[in-house]
Amino acid sequence: MERYICVICGYIYDPELGDPDSGVHPGTAFKDLPEGWLCPLCGAYTDEFVLAE
């Protein structure tokens, strides 16, 4: 699965881990994140993330 990185703070969303603190279960692809999900470190919206290489 593809990982995405926040261009503001550098947080990497790893779909294998999800974001349990925000109710996102492991295995959730970035494109399937719930509407309104924000970067857990800086509060950025998903449009501030780019595909991690």
PDB file of N, CA and C in Angstrom:
ATOM      1  N   MET A   1       0.843  -1.185   0.000  1.00  0.00           N
ATOM      2  CA  MET A   1       0.000   0.000   0.000  1.00  0.00           C
ATOM      3  C   MET A   1       0.888   1.249   0.000  1.00  0.00           C
ATOM      4  N   GLU A   2       0.375   2.286  -0.614  1.00  0.00           N
ATOM      5  CA  GLU A   2       1.142   3.519  -0.740  1.00  0.00           C
ATOM      6  C   GLU A   2       1.065   4.370   0.516  1.00  0.00           C
ATOM      7  N   ARG A   3       2.206   4.904   0.900  1.00  0.00           N
ATOM      8  CA  ARG A   3       2.276   5.801   2.055  1.00  0.00           C
ATOM      9  C   ARG A   3       2.255   7.242   1.553  1.00  0.00           C
ATOM     10  N   TYR A   4       1.694   8.135   2.348  1.00  0.00           N
ATOM     11  CA  TYR A   4       1.614   9.554   2.008  1.00  0.00           C
ATOM     12  C   TYR A   4       2.243  10.373   3.117  1.00  0.00           C
ATOM     13  N   ILE A   5       2.876  11.481   2.718  1.00  0.00           N
ATOM     14  CA  ILE A   5       3.580  12.331   3.678  1.00  0.00           C
ATOM     15  C   ILE A   5       2.971  13.732   3.687  1.00  0.00           C
ATOM     16  N   CYS A   6       2.817  14.284   4.878  1.00  0.00           N
ATOM     17  CA  CYS A   6       2.298  15.641   5.041  1.00  0.00           C
ATOM     18  C   CYS A   6       3.409  16.625   4.674  1.00  0.00           C
ATOM     19  N   VAL A   7       3.134  17.519   3.727  1.00  0.00           N
ATOM     20  CA  VAL A   7       4.160  18.467   3.294  1.00  0.00           C
ATOM     21  C   VAL A   7       4.403  19.560   4.337  1.00  0.00           C
ATOM     22  N   ILE A   8       3.522  19.683   5.300  1.00  0.00           N
ATOM     23  CA  ILE A   8       3.676  20.718   6.324  1.00  0.00           C
ATOM     24  C   ILE A   8       4.574  20.244   7.470  1.00  0.00           C
ATOM     25  N   CYS A   9       4.311  19.044   7.985  1.00  0.00           N
ATOM     26  CA  CYS A   9       5.051  18.602   9.173  1.00  0.00           C
ATOM     27  C   CYS A   9       5.880  17.334   8.980  1.00  0.00           C
ATOM     28  N   GLY A  10       5.694  16.629   7.875  1.00  0.00           N
ATOM     29  CA  GLY A  10       6.469  15.423   7.623  1.00  0.00           C
ATOM     30  C   GLY A  10       5.851  14.133   8.141  1.00  0.00           C
ATOM     31  N   TYR A  11       4.652  14.207   8.734  1.00  0.00           N
ATOM     32  CA  TYR A  11       3.979  12.987   9.208  1.00  0.00           C
ATOM     33  C   TYR A  11       3.736  12.061   8.023  1.00  0.00           C
ATOM     34  N   ILE A  12       4.006  10.773   8.204  1.00  0.00           N
ATOM     35  CA  ILE A  12       3.764   9.796   7.146  1.00  0.00           C
ATOM     36  C   ILE A  12       2.560   8.951   7.523  1.00  0.00           C
ATOM     37  N   TYR A  13       1.545   8.984   6.649  1.00  0.00           N
ATOM     38  CA  TYR A  13       0.394   8.105   6.849  1.00  0.00           C
ATOM     39  C   TYR A  13       0.724   6.759   6.224  1.00  0.00           C
ATOM     40  N   ASP A  14       0.776   5.740   7.050  1.00  0.00           N
ATOM     41  CA  ASP A  14       1.052   4.376   6.608  1.00  0.00           C
ATOM     42  C   ASP A  14      -0.243   3.575   6.716  1.00  0.00           C
ATOM     43  N   PRO A  15      -0.807   3.177   5.576  1.00  0.00           N
ATOM     44  CA  PRO A  15      -2.079   2.460   5.625  1.00  0.00           C
ATOM     45  C   PRO A  15      -2.015   1.128   6.371  1.00  0.00           C
ATOM     46  N   GLU A  16      -0.838   0.538   6.460  1.00  0.00           N
ATOM     47  CA  GLU A  16      -0.710  -0.707   7.213  1.00  0.00           C
ATOM     48  C   GLU A  16      -0.935  -0.476   8.705  1.00  0.00           C
ATOM     49  N   LEU A  17      -0.646   0.744   9.161  1.00  0.00           N
ATOM     50  CA  LEU A  17      -0.837   1.090  10.579  1.00  0.00           C
ATOM     51  C   LEU A  17      -2.168   1.788  10.824  1.00  0.00           C
ATOM     52  N   GLY A  18      -2.657   2.533   9.804  1.00  0.00           N
ATOM     53  CA  GLY A  18      -3.863   3.330   9.983  1.00  0.00           C
ATOM     54  C   GLY A  18      -3.584   4.481  10.944  1.00  0.00           C
ATOM     55  N   ASP A  19      -4.630   4.962  11.579  1.00  0.00           N
ATOM     56  CA  ASP A  19      -4.514   6.026  12.589  1.00  0.00           C
ATOM     57  C   ASP A  19      -5.525   5.708  13.680  1.00  0.00           C
ATOM     58  N   PRO A  20      -5.229   4.686  14.490  1.00  0.00           N
ATOM     59  CA  PRO A  20      -6.183   4.228  15.504  1.00  0.00           C
ATOM     60  C   PRO A  20      -6.688   5.323  16.441  1.00  0.00           C
ATOM     61  N   ASP A  21      -5.845   6.310  16.754  1.00  0.00           N
ATOM     62  CA  ASP A  21      -6.269   7.390  17.645  1.00  0.00           C
ATOM     63  C   ASP A  21      -7.383   8.229  17.032  1.00  0.00           C
ATOM     64  N   SER A  22      -7.481   8.192  15.698  1.00  0.00           N
ATOM     65  CA  SER A  22      -8.537   8.940  14.994  1.00  0.00           C
ATOM     66  C   SER A  22      -9.630   8.020  14.474  1.00  0.00           C
ATOM     67  N   GLY A  23      -9.585   6.746  14.875  1.00  0.00           N
ATOM     68  CA  GLY A  23     -10.609   5.797  14.465  1.00  0.00           C
ATOM     69  C   GLY A  23     -10.398   5.205  13.083  1.00  0.00           C
ATOM     70  N   VAL A  24      -9.184   5.338  12.533  1.00  0.00           N
ATOM     71  CA  VAL A  24      -8.875   4.780  11.214  1.00  0.00           C
ATOM     72  C   VAL A  24      -8.160   3.449  11.429  1.00  0.00           C
ATOM     73  N   HIS A  25      -8.786   2.379  10.997  1.00  0.00           N
ATOM     74  CA  HIS A  25      -8.276   1.035  11.228  1.00  0.00           C
ATOM     75  C   HIS A  25      -7.090   0.717  10.325  1.00  0.00           C
ATOM     76  N   PRO A  26      -6.176  -0.130  10.805  1.00  0.00           N
ATOM     77  CA  PRO A  26      -5.089  -0.599   9.943  1.00  0.00           C
ATOM     78  C   PRO A  26      -5.657  -1.205   8.661  1.00  0.00           C
ATOM     79  N   GLY A  27      -4.963  -0.971   7.552  1.00  0.00           N
ATOM     80  CA  GLY A  27      -5.421  -1.474   6.254  1.00  0.00           C
ATOM     81  C   GLY A  27      -6.254  -0.465   5.478  1.00  0.00           C
ATOM     82  N   THR A  28      -6.475   0.736   6.039  1.00  0.00           N
ATOM     83  CA  THR A  28      -7.264   1.765   5.358  1.00  0.00           C
ATOM     84  C   THR A  28      -6.363   2.552   4.415  1.00  0.00           C
ATOM     85  N   ALA A  29      -6.655   2.470   3.114  1.00  0.00           N
ATOM     86  CA  ALA A  29      -5.891   3.206   2.110  1.00  0.00           C
ATOM     87  C   ALA A  29      -6.109   4.705   2.293  1.00  0.00           C
ATOM     88  N   PHE A  30      -5.127   5.492   1.865  1.00  0.00           N
ATOM     89  CA  PHE A  30      -5.223   6.947   2.003  1.00  0.00           C
ATOM     90  C   PHE A  30      -6.488   7.473   1.334  1.00  0.00           C
ATOM     91  N   LYS A  31      -6.805   6.948   0.154  1.00  0.00           N
ATOM     92  CA  LYS A  31      -7.991   7.419  -0.581  1.00  0.00           C
ATOM     93  C   LYS A  31      -9.288   7.071   0.142  1.00  0.00           C
ATOM     94  N   ASP A  32      -9.222   6.148   1.085  1.00  0.00           N
ATOM     95  CA  ASP A  32     -10.408   5.719   1.817  1.00  0.00           C
ATOM     96  C   ASP A  32     -10.525   6.338   3.210  1.00  0.00           C
ATOM     97  N   LEU A  33      -9.641   7.297   3.521  1.00  0.00           N
ATOM     98  CA  LEU A  33      -9.741   7.966   4.813  1.00  0.00           C
ATOM     99  C   LEU A  33     -11.091   8.667   4.932  1.00  0.00           C
ATOM    100  N   PRO A  34     -11.652   8.711   6.115  1.00  0.00           N
ATOM    101  CA  PRO A  34     -12.957   9.355   6.273  1.00  0.00           C
ATOM    102  C   PRO A  34     -12.884  10.857   5.978  1.00  0.00           C
ATOM    103  N   GLU A  35     -13.978  11.372   5.470  1.00  0.00           N
ATOM    104  CA  GLU A  35     -14.060  12.809   5.208  1.00  0.00           C
ATOM    105  C   GLU A  35     -13.822  13.561   6.508  1.00  0.00           C
ATOM    106  N   GLY A  36     -12.992  14.575   6.440  1.00  0.00           N
ATOM    107  CA  GLY A  36     -12.698  15.350   7.631  1.00  0.00           C
ATOM    108  C   GLY A  36     -11.485  14.876   8.408  1.00  0.00           C
ATOM    109  N   TRP A  37     -10.856  13.770   7.950  1.00  0.00           N
ATOM    110  CA  TRP A  37      -9.647  13.306   8.635  1.00  0.00           C
ATOM    111  C   TRP A  37      -8.567  14.363   8.480  1.00  0.00           C
ATOM    112  N   LEU A  38      -7.829  14.623   9.567  1.00  0.00           N
ATOM    113  CA  LEU A  38      -6.763  15.606   9.572  1.00  0.00           C
ATOM    114  C   LEU A  38      -5.461  14.968  10.025  1.00  0.00           C
ATOM    115  N   CYS A  39      -4.354  15.544   9.596  1.00  0.00           N
ATOM    116  CA  CYS A  39      -3.041  15.078  10.041  1.00  0.00           C
ATOM    117  C   CYS A  39      -3.027  15.088  11.570  1.00  0.00           C
ATOM    118  N   PRO A  40      -2.666  13.969  12.191  1.00  0.00           N
ATOM    119  CA  PRO A  40      -2.685  13.919  13.656  1.00  0.00           C
ATOM    120  C   PRO A  40      -1.614  14.781  14.323  1.00  0.00           C
ATOM    121  N   LEU A  41      -0.628  15.224  13.576  1.00  0.00           N
ATOM    122  CA  LEU A  41       0.418  16.059  14.171  1.00  0.00           C
ATOM    123  C   LEU A  41       0.148  17.553  14.018  1.00  0.00           C
ATOM    124  N   CYS A  42      -0.282  17.973  12.816  1.00  0.00           N
ATOM    125  CA  CYS A  42      -0.401  19.421  12.584  1.00  0.00           C
ATOM    126  C   CYS A  42      -1.802  19.878  12.188  1.00  0.00           C
ATOM    127  N   GLY A  43      -2.715  18.930  11.955  1.00  0.00           N
ATOM    128  CA  GLY A  43      -4.083  19.301  11.620  1.00  0.00           C
ATOM    129  C   GLY A  43      -4.303  19.644  10.153  1.00  0.00           C
ATOM    130  N   ALA A  44      -3.342  19.310   9.290  1.00  0.00           N
ATOM    131  CA  ALA A  44      -3.476  19.594   7.861  1.00  0.00           C
ATOM    132  C   ALA A  44      -4.535  18.691   7.228  1.00  0.00           C
ATOM    133  N   TYR A  45      -5.177  19.210   6.187  1.00  0.00           N
ATOM    134  CA  TYR A  45      -6.142  18.426   5.431  1.00  0.00           C
ATOM    135  C   TYR A  45      -5.416  17.455   4.501  1.00  0.00           C
ATOM    136  N   THR A  46      -6.127  16.471   3.980  1.00  0.00           N
ATOM    137  CA  THR A  46      -5.511  15.454   3.127  1.00  0.00           C
ATOM    138  C   THR A  46      -4.914  16.035   1.853  1.00  0.00           C
ATOM    139  N   ASP A  47      -5.372  17.202   1.410  1.00  0.00           N
ATOM    140  CA  ASP A  47      -4.802  17.782   0.188  1.00  0.00           C
ATOM    141  C   ASP A  47      -3.388  18.335   0.416  1.00  0.00           C
ATOM    142  N   GLU A  48      -2.929  18.310   1.663  1.00  0.00           N
ATOM    143  CA  GLU A  48      -1.570  18.734   1.982  1.00  0.00           C
ATOM    144  C   GLU A  48      -0.616  17.542   2.057  1.00  0.00           C
ATOM    145  N   PHE A  49      -1.060  16.373   1.601  1.00  0.00           N
ATOM    146  CA  PHE A  49      -0.249  15.166   1.588  1.00  0.00           C
ATOM    147  C   PHE A  49       0.140  14.823   0.161  1.00  0.00           C
ATOM    148  N   VAL A  50       1.348  14.280   0.017  1.00  0.00           N
ATOM    149  CA  VAL A  50       1.823  13.805  -1.275  1.00  0.00           C
ATOM    150  C   VAL A  50       2.293  12.367  -1.118  1.00  0.00           C
ATOM    151  N   LEU A  51       2.329  11.652  -2.221  1.00  0.00           N
ATOM    152  CA  LEU A  51       2.782  10.272  -2.220  1.00  0.00           C
ATOM    153  C   LEU A  51       4.239  10.218  -1.776  1.00  0.00           C
ATOM    154  N   ALA A  52       4.526   9.392  -0.789  1.00  0.00           N
ATOM    155  CA  ALA A  52       5.900   9.231  -0.317  1.00  0.00           C
ATOM    156  C   ALA A  52       6.645   8.314  -1.274  1.00  0.00           C
ATOM    157  N   GLU A  53       7.860   8.681  -1.590  1.00  0.00           N
ATOM    158  CA  GLU A  53       8.656   7.871  -2.524  1.00  0.00           C
ATOM    159  C   GLU A  53       9.552   6.907  -1.799  1.00  0.00           C
TER     160      GLU A  53
END
